[in-house]
N, C-alpha and C. Protein backbone atom coordinates (compact mmCIF):
# COMPACT_ATOMS: atom_id res chain seq x y z
N MET A 1 -11.98 31.97 6.17
CA MET A 1 -12.38 30.72 5.77
C MET A 1 -13.31 30.15 6.92
N SER A 2 -14.36 29.58 6.46
CA SER A 2 -15.29 29.09 7.42
C SER A 2 -14.87 27.64 7.88
N ALA A 3 -15.23 27.43 9.14
CA ALA A 3 -14.87 26.06 9.67
C ALA A 3 -15.92 25.08 9.03
N ASP A 4 -17.12 25.50 8.57
CA ASP A 4 -18.05 24.52 7.90
C ASP A 4 -17.41 24.06 6.72
N ILE A 5 -16.69 24.79 5.98
CA ILE A 5 -16.01 24.27 4.77
C ILE A 5 -15.10 23.12 5.08
N ILE A 6 -14.30 23.31 6.03
CA ILE A 6 -13.35 22.32 6.54
C ILE A 6 -13.93 21.10 7.07
N HIS A 7 -15.05 21.24 7.73
CA HIS A 7 -15.85 20.08 8.38
C HIS A 7 -16.59 19.45 7.23
N GLY A 8 -16.96 20.12 6.17
CA GLY A 8 -17.67 19.60 5.09
C GLY A 8 -16.67 18.68 4.24
N ARG A 9 -15.48 19.15 4.12
CA ARG A 9 -14.48 18.32 3.28
C ARG A 9 -14.12 17.27 4.05
N LEU A 10 -13.96 17.21 5.37
CA LEU A 10 -13.53 16.18 6.28
C LEU A 10 -14.67 15.08 6.21
N ALA A 11 -15.93 15.54 6.11
CA ALA A 11 -17.09 14.55 6.08
C ALA A 11 -17.03 13.96 4.79
N ARG A 12 -16.59 14.60 3.62
CA ARG A 12 -16.53 13.97 2.23
C ARG A 12 -15.43 12.97 2.34
N VAL A 13 -14.35 13.08 3.04
CA VAL A 13 -13.14 12.16 3.14
C VAL A 13 -13.68 10.97 3.90
N GLU A 14 -14.37 11.22 5.00
CA GLU A 14 -14.80 10.11 5.78
C GLU A 14 -15.82 9.23 5.10
N LEU A 15 -16.70 9.84 4.24
CA LEU A 15 -17.70 9.16 3.47
C LEU A 15 -16.93 8.27 2.36
N GLN A 16 -15.86 8.95 1.77
CA GLN A 16 -15.15 8.06 0.74
C GLN A 16 -14.34 6.92 1.33
N LEU A 17 -13.82 7.22 2.57
CA LEU A 17 -13.14 6.06 3.31
C LEU A 17 -14.15 5.00 3.62
N ASP A 18 -15.33 5.31 3.99
CA ASP A 18 -16.32 4.26 4.07
C ASP A 18 -16.61 3.55 2.83
N HIS A 19 -16.62 4.20 1.66
CA HIS A 19 -16.98 3.61 0.30
C HIS A 19 -15.80 2.59 0.03
N ILE A 20 -14.45 2.99 0.42
CA ILE A 20 -13.43 2.03 0.15
C ILE A 20 -13.48 0.94 1.04
N LYS A 21 -13.86 1.02 2.27
CA LYS A 21 -14.06 -0.03 3.24
C LYS A 21 -15.06 -1.06 2.71
N GLN A 22 -16.26 -0.50 2.29
CA GLN A 22 -17.24 -1.30 1.64
C GLN A 22 -16.87 -2.13 0.38
N ALA A 23 -16.11 -1.36 -0.50
CA ALA A 23 -15.60 -1.99 -1.79
C ALA A 23 -14.64 -3.20 -1.42
N LEU A 24 -13.79 -2.83 -0.46
CA LEU A 24 -12.85 -3.87 -0.04
C LEU A 24 -13.56 -5.13 0.59
N SER A 25 -14.53 -4.95 1.41
CA SER A 25 -15.14 -6.13 1.98
C SER A 25 -16.03 -6.77 1.15
N ALA A 26 -16.60 -6.16 0.10
CA ALA A 26 -17.36 -6.87 -0.99
C ALA A 26 -16.60 -7.39 -2.06
N GLN A 27 -15.24 -6.99 -2.11
CA GLN A 27 -14.33 -7.40 -3.22
C GLN A 27 -14.83 -6.92 -4.55
N ARG A 28 -15.34 -5.62 -4.66
CA ARG A 28 -15.76 -5.16 -5.94
C ARG A 28 -14.61 -4.17 -6.42
N SER A 29 -13.77 -4.62 -7.40
CA SER A 29 -12.73 -3.92 -7.88
C SER A 29 -12.99 -2.65 -8.62
N GLU A 30 -14.17 -2.59 -9.32
CA GLU A 30 -14.48 -1.34 -10.00
C GLU A 30 -14.88 -0.42 -9.20
N GLU A 31 -15.68 -0.53 -8.13
CA GLU A 31 -15.96 0.43 -7.14
C GLU A 31 -14.78 0.85 -6.38
N LEU A 32 -13.83 -0.07 -6.09
CA LEU A 32 -12.63 0.35 -5.33
C LEU A 32 -11.78 1.26 -5.94
N VAL A 33 -11.67 1.10 -7.38
CA VAL A 33 -10.93 1.98 -8.21
C VAL A 33 -11.54 3.44 -8.07
N ALA A 34 -12.97 3.42 -8.31
CA ALA A 34 -13.56 4.74 -8.34
C ALA A 34 -13.46 5.44 -7.02
N ALA A 35 -13.62 4.64 -5.96
CA ALA A 35 -13.48 5.36 -4.60
C ALA A 35 -12.21 5.88 -4.35
N CYS A 36 -11.24 5.18 -4.59
CA CYS A 36 -9.81 5.58 -4.51
C CYS A 36 -9.42 6.79 -5.20
N SER A 37 -9.91 6.85 -6.48
CA SER A 37 -9.62 8.14 -7.30
C SER A 37 -10.32 9.32 -6.68
N ALA A 38 -11.55 9.09 -6.32
CA ALA A 38 -12.34 10.25 -5.63
C ALA A 38 -11.78 10.74 -4.31
N LEU A 39 -11.25 9.67 -3.51
CA LEU A 39 -10.62 9.99 -2.35
C LEU A 39 -9.30 10.85 -2.64
N GLN A 40 -8.66 10.43 -3.64
CA GLN A 40 -7.33 11.12 -3.97
C GLN A 40 -7.66 12.67 -4.39
N ALA A 41 -8.70 12.93 -5.15
CA ALA A 41 -9.05 14.27 -5.44
C ALA A 41 -9.44 15.11 -4.26
N THR A 42 -10.29 14.45 -3.34
CA THR A 42 -10.82 15.16 -2.19
C THR A 42 -9.60 15.45 -1.30
N MET A 43 -8.67 14.41 -1.22
CA MET A 43 -7.52 14.69 -0.33
C MET A 43 -6.59 15.83 -0.86
N LEU A 44 -6.44 16.03 -2.15
CA LEU A 44 -5.77 17.13 -2.68
C LEU A 44 -6.47 18.54 -2.41
N GLU A 45 -7.88 18.44 -2.45
CA GLU A 45 -8.62 19.64 -2.02
C GLU A 45 -8.44 19.95 -0.52
N LEU A 46 -8.46 18.94 0.29
CA LEU A 46 -8.23 19.02 1.68
C LEU A 46 -6.81 19.66 2.00
N SER A 47 -5.88 19.21 1.23
CA SER A 47 -4.41 19.55 1.52
C SER A 47 -4.27 21.15 1.15
N THR A 48 -5.02 21.53 0.19
CA THR A 48 -4.85 22.92 -0.15
C THR A 48 -5.65 23.85 0.84
N LEU A 49 -6.67 23.24 1.43
CA LEU A 49 -7.39 23.99 2.53
C LEU A 49 -6.57 23.88 3.74
N GLN A 50 -5.87 22.90 4.12
CA GLN A 50 -5.21 22.66 5.33
C GLN A 50 -3.93 23.72 5.34
N LEU A 51 -3.46 24.09 4.18
CA LEU A 51 -2.48 25.11 4.14
C LEU A 51 -2.91 26.44 4.46
N ALA A 52 -4.20 26.75 4.20
CA ALA A 52 -4.85 28.01 4.42
C ALA A 52 -5.60 28.22 5.83
N LEU A 53 -5.27 27.09 6.66
CA LEU A 53 -5.96 27.30 7.88
C LEU A 53 -5.43 28.45 8.70
N ASP A 54 -6.40 29.06 9.53
CA ASP A 54 -6.00 30.16 10.37
C ASP A 54 -5.62 29.63 11.75
N ALA A 55 -4.98 30.52 12.49
CA ALA A 55 -4.55 30.18 13.97
C ALA A 55 -5.78 29.68 14.81
N GLU A 56 -6.88 30.23 14.53
CA GLU A 56 -7.94 29.68 15.29
C GLU A 56 -8.39 28.36 15.02
N PHE A 57 -8.17 27.88 13.78
CA PHE A 57 -8.63 26.53 13.49
C PHE A 57 -7.46 25.58 13.96
N ARG A 58 -6.33 26.02 14.10
CA ARG A 58 -5.24 25.18 14.55
C ARG A 58 -5.35 25.04 15.98
N SER A 59 -5.99 26.01 16.74
CA SER A 59 -6.16 25.90 18.16
C SER A 59 -7.42 25.13 18.45
N ASP A 60 -8.29 24.75 17.57
CA ASP A 60 -9.55 24.07 17.59
C ASP A 60 -9.30 22.60 17.94
N ARG A 61 -9.61 22.23 19.07
CA ARG A 61 -9.24 20.75 19.50
C ARG A 61 -10.02 19.72 18.84
N ASP A 62 -11.41 20.04 18.53
CA ASP A 62 -12.32 19.08 17.90
C ASP A 62 -11.81 18.91 16.41
N LEU A 63 -11.39 19.95 15.74
CA LEU A 63 -10.76 19.83 14.37
C LEU A 63 -9.57 18.99 14.45
N GLN A 64 -8.73 19.27 15.37
CA GLN A 64 -7.35 18.37 15.48
C GLN A 64 -7.79 16.92 15.69
N LEU A 65 -8.63 16.57 16.53
CA LEU A 65 -9.15 15.33 16.83
C LEU A 65 -9.68 14.65 15.50
N ARG A 66 -10.50 15.41 14.82
CA ARG A 66 -11.10 14.92 13.64
C ARG A 66 -10.05 14.55 12.50
N PHE A 67 -9.03 15.39 12.39
CA PHE A 67 -7.96 15.21 11.57
C PHE A 67 -7.20 13.92 11.87
N THR A 68 -6.99 13.75 13.21
CA THR A 68 -6.21 12.58 13.74
C THR A 68 -7.05 11.33 13.34
N ARG A 69 -8.36 11.42 13.52
CA ARG A 69 -9.18 10.25 13.11
C ARG A 69 -9.13 9.88 11.68
N VAL A 70 -9.11 10.80 10.85
CA VAL A 70 -9.03 10.73 9.45
C VAL A 70 -7.78 10.12 8.96
N ALA A 71 -6.65 10.66 9.74
CA ALA A 71 -5.51 10.13 9.39
C ALA A 71 -5.15 8.66 9.73
N ALA A 72 -5.92 8.31 10.88
CA ALA A 72 -5.83 7.01 11.39
C ALA A 72 -6.63 6.03 10.32
N ALA A 73 -7.85 6.46 9.97
CA ALA A 73 -8.54 5.73 8.98
C ALA A 73 -7.91 5.66 7.59
N LEU A 74 -7.19 6.58 7.22
CA LEU A 74 -6.38 6.58 6.00
C LEU A 74 -5.24 5.50 6.07
N ALA A 75 -4.58 5.47 7.19
CA ALA A 75 -3.64 4.43 7.42
C ALA A 75 -4.24 3.06 7.33
N SER A 76 -5.38 2.78 7.96
CA SER A 76 -6.04 1.65 7.97
C SER A 76 -6.36 1.10 6.73
N ARG A 77 -6.99 2.02 5.87
CA ARG A 77 -7.37 1.75 4.44
C ARG A 77 -6.12 1.40 3.64
N ARG A 78 -5.09 2.08 3.88
CA ARG A 78 -3.87 1.83 3.16
C ARG A 78 -3.34 0.44 3.38
N GLU A 79 -3.37 0.15 4.75
CA GLU A 79 -2.97 -1.33 4.99
C GLU A 79 -3.77 -2.26 4.49
N SER A 80 -5.10 -2.11 4.41
CA SER A 80 -6.08 -2.96 3.79
C SER A 80 -5.78 -3.13 2.34
N LEU A 81 -5.49 -2.07 1.64
CA LEU A 81 -5.34 -2.06 0.27
C LEU A 81 -4.02 -2.79 0.02
N ILE A 82 -3.00 -2.78 0.80
CA ILE A 82 -1.81 -3.42 0.58
C ILE A 82 -1.99 -4.85 0.69
N ARG A 83 -2.79 -5.34 1.72
CA ARG A 83 -3.20 -6.72 1.92
C ARG A 83 -3.79 -7.34 0.67
N HIS A 84 -4.81 -6.50 0.12
CA HIS A 84 -5.55 -6.78 -0.89
C HIS A 84 -4.72 -7.12 -2.13
N ALA A 85 -3.79 -6.27 -2.38
CA ALA A 85 -2.81 -6.35 -3.53
C ALA A 85 -2.04 -7.60 -3.26
N ALA A 86 -1.46 -7.90 -2.07
CA ALA A 86 -0.67 -9.02 -1.93
C ALA A 86 -1.45 -10.25 -2.17
N MET A 87 -2.77 -10.31 -1.63
CA MET A 87 -3.61 -11.51 -1.96
C MET A 87 -3.95 -11.69 -3.46
N ALA A 88 -4.11 -10.61 -4.16
CA ALA A 88 -4.30 -10.71 -5.52
C ALA A 88 -3.07 -11.22 -6.30
N GLU A 89 -1.84 -10.82 -5.92
CA GLU A 89 -0.59 -11.24 -6.35
C GLU A 89 -0.44 -12.57 -6.17
N HIS A 90 -0.75 -13.11 -4.97
CA HIS A 90 -0.68 -14.55 -4.53
C HIS A 90 -1.52 -15.39 -5.35
N ALA A 91 -2.75 -14.90 -5.57
CA ALA A 91 -3.80 -15.66 -6.35
C ALA A 91 -3.31 -15.83 -7.83
N LEU A 92 -2.78 -14.75 -8.42
CA LEU A 92 -2.24 -14.61 -9.74
C LEU A 92 -1.19 -15.75 -9.89
N ARG A 93 -0.24 -15.63 -8.95
CA ARG A 93 0.94 -16.65 -9.06
C ARG A 93 0.41 -18.10 -8.94
N ALA A 94 -0.67 -18.34 -8.17
CA ALA A 94 -1.24 -19.72 -8.13
C ALA A 94 -1.97 -20.10 -9.43
N LEU A 95 -2.64 -19.20 -9.92
CA LEU A 95 -3.31 -19.64 -11.27
C LEU A 95 -2.49 -19.57 -12.41
N VAL A 96 -1.58 -18.65 -12.56
CA VAL A 96 -0.78 -18.54 -13.78
C VAL A 96 0.75 -18.59 -13.33
N PRO A 97 1.35 -19.75 -13.16
CA PRO A 97 2.66 -19.81 -12.65
C PRO A 97 3.77 -19.17 -13.58
N ALA A 98 3.35 -18.98 -14.82
CA ALA A 98 4.42 -18.32 -15.73
C ALA A 98 4.64 -16.93 -15.40
N CYS A 99 3.73 -16.29 -14.61
CA CYS A 99 3.93 -14.84 -14.27
C CYS A 99 4.82 -14.62 -13.22
N GLN A 100 5.31 -15.67 -12.53
CA GLN A 100 6.31 -15.50 -11.43
C GLN A 100 7.52 -15.02 -11.93
N THR A 101 8.17 -14.27 -11.12
CA THR A 101 9.49 -13.78 -11.51
C THR A 101 10.33 -14.25 -10.38
N THR A 102 11.52 -14.60 -10.76
CA THR A 102 12.65 -15.09 -9.78
C THR A 102 13.36 -14.01 -9.35
N THR A 103 13.92 -14.06 -8.11
CA THR A 103 14.77 -13.13 -7.58
C THR A 103 16.25 -13.14 -8.17
N TYR A 104 16.53 -14.34 -8.27
CA TYR A 104 18.10 -14.50 -8.80
C TYR A 104 17.98 -15.28 -10.17
N ALA A 105 19.08 -14.90 -11.05
CA ALA A 105 19.00 -15.65 -12.43
C ALA A 105 19.32 -17.10 -12.20
N ARG A 106 18.78 -17.84 -13.12
CA ARG A 106 19.10 -19.30 -13.04
C ARG A 106 20.64 -19.47 -13.73
N ALA A 107 21.15 -20.55 -13.28
CA ALA A 107 22.54 -20.94 -13.69
C ALA A 107 22.37 -21.35 -15.15
N VAL A 108 23.31 -20.99 -16.04
CA VAL A 108 23.23 -21.41 -17.35
C VAL A 108 24.62 -21.79 -17.74
N GLY A 109 24.76 -22.96 -18.46
CA GLY A 109 26.07 -23.40 -18.87
C GLY A 109 26.74 -24.45 -18.00
N PRO A 110 27.79 -25.17 -18.35
CA PRO A 110 28.15 -26.25 -17.56
C PRO A 110 29.07 -25.81 -16.40
N GLY A 111 29.57 -24.67 -16.37
CA GLY A 111 30.45 -24.18 -15.13
C GLY A 111 29.63 -23.15 -14.38
N ALA A 112 28.47 -22.93 -14.61
CA ALA A 112 27.68 -21.76 -14.09
C ALA A 112 27.20 -22.32 -12.59
N ARG A 113 27.07 -21.37 -11.65
CA ARG A 113 26.69 -21.59 -10.39
C ARG A 113 25.63 -20.52 -10.00
N LEU A 114 24.78 -20.77 -9.07
CA LEU A 114 23.98 -19.92 -8.54
C LEU A 114 24.70 -19.07 -7.41
N THR A 115 24.61 -17.83 -7.26
CA THR A 115 25.20 -17.05 -6.21
C THR A 115 24.62 -17.28 -4.84
N TYR A 116 23.24 -17.24 -4.79
CA TYR A 116 22.49 -17.57 -3.67
C TYR A 116 21.55 -18.66 -3.99
N GLY A 117 21.16 -19.22 -2.68
CA GLY A 117 20.27 -20.40 -2.88
C GLY A 117 20.83 -21.75 -3.16
N SER A 118 22.13 -21.95 -3.18
CA SER A 118 22.77 -23.29 -3.36
C SER A 118 24.23 -23.16 -2.97
N VAL A 119 24.77 -24.29 -2.77
CA VAL A 119 26.22 -24.29 -2.48
C VAL A 119 27.04 -23.71 -3.46
N GLY A 120 28.19 -23.27 -3.17
CA GLY A 120 29.05 -22.73 -4.18
C GLY A 120 29.83 -23.88 -4.91
N ARG A 121 30.49 -23.39 -5.94
CA ARG A 121 31.28 -24.39 -6.70
C ARG A 121 32.64 -24.59 -5.90
N GLN A 122 32.96 -25.85 -5.90
CA GLN A 122 34.21 -26.24 -5.24
C GLN A 122 35.41 -25.86 -6.05
N SER A 123 36.40 -25.31 -5.33
CA SER A 123 37.68 -24.93 -5.99
C SER A 123 38.50 -26.01 -6.43
N GLY A 124 38.36 -27.19 -5.78
CA GLY A 124 39.32 -28.20 -6.02
C GLY A 124 40.44 -28.35 -5.28
N GLU A 125 40.59 -27.32 -4.40
CA GLU A 125 41.83 -27.45 -3.51
C GLU A 125 41.69 -28.32 -2.48
N PHE A 126 40.52 -28.40 -1.82
CA PHE A 126 40.35 -29.44 -0.64
C PHE A 126 39.24 -30.33 -0.91
N GLN A 127 39.62 -31.33 -1.80
CA GLN A 127 38.56 -32.40 -2.20
C GLN A 127 38.48 -33.39 -1.23
N THR A 128 39.36 -33.81 -0.39
CA THR A 128 39.39 -34.98 0.55
C THR A 128 39.77 -34.36 2.01
N VAL A 129 39.24 -34.99 3.04
CA VAL A 129 39.61 -34.60 4.40
C VAL A 129 40.30 -35.72 5.01
N LEU A 130 41.64 -35.42 5.44
CA LEU A 130 42.39 -36.51 6.16
C LEU A 130 42.47 -36.01 7.63
N ALA A 131 42.36 -37.27 8.38
CA ALA A 131 42.55 -37.06 9.85
C ALA A 131 43.98 -37.43 10.25
């Protein structure tokens, strides 16, 4: 297997990571979806190539550094995508309050109580404190 093939695939990954960065900064969701799906396909191709690497490529320091840079860029884009998703969820909750989900169920009925987020129901045993 030629080192040029591996470097070419890494170049495609780096290019697609740049497309994701540009789509995130410009807030263009259509381009972001397309760039992420293209990156996913390229990463699958790269993972099959990585399994077929020979010992000479594993000892190539330049190739290892390039893989490290690509991995760091992937982690950075993943974090950016998580932040973007959280901001979109927050904006959705602000615009459409009905879409909010509660963590704990509301108390229903006369004797019901909330397990968390409120004081518990008194048992009636200690209603007054005497000194």
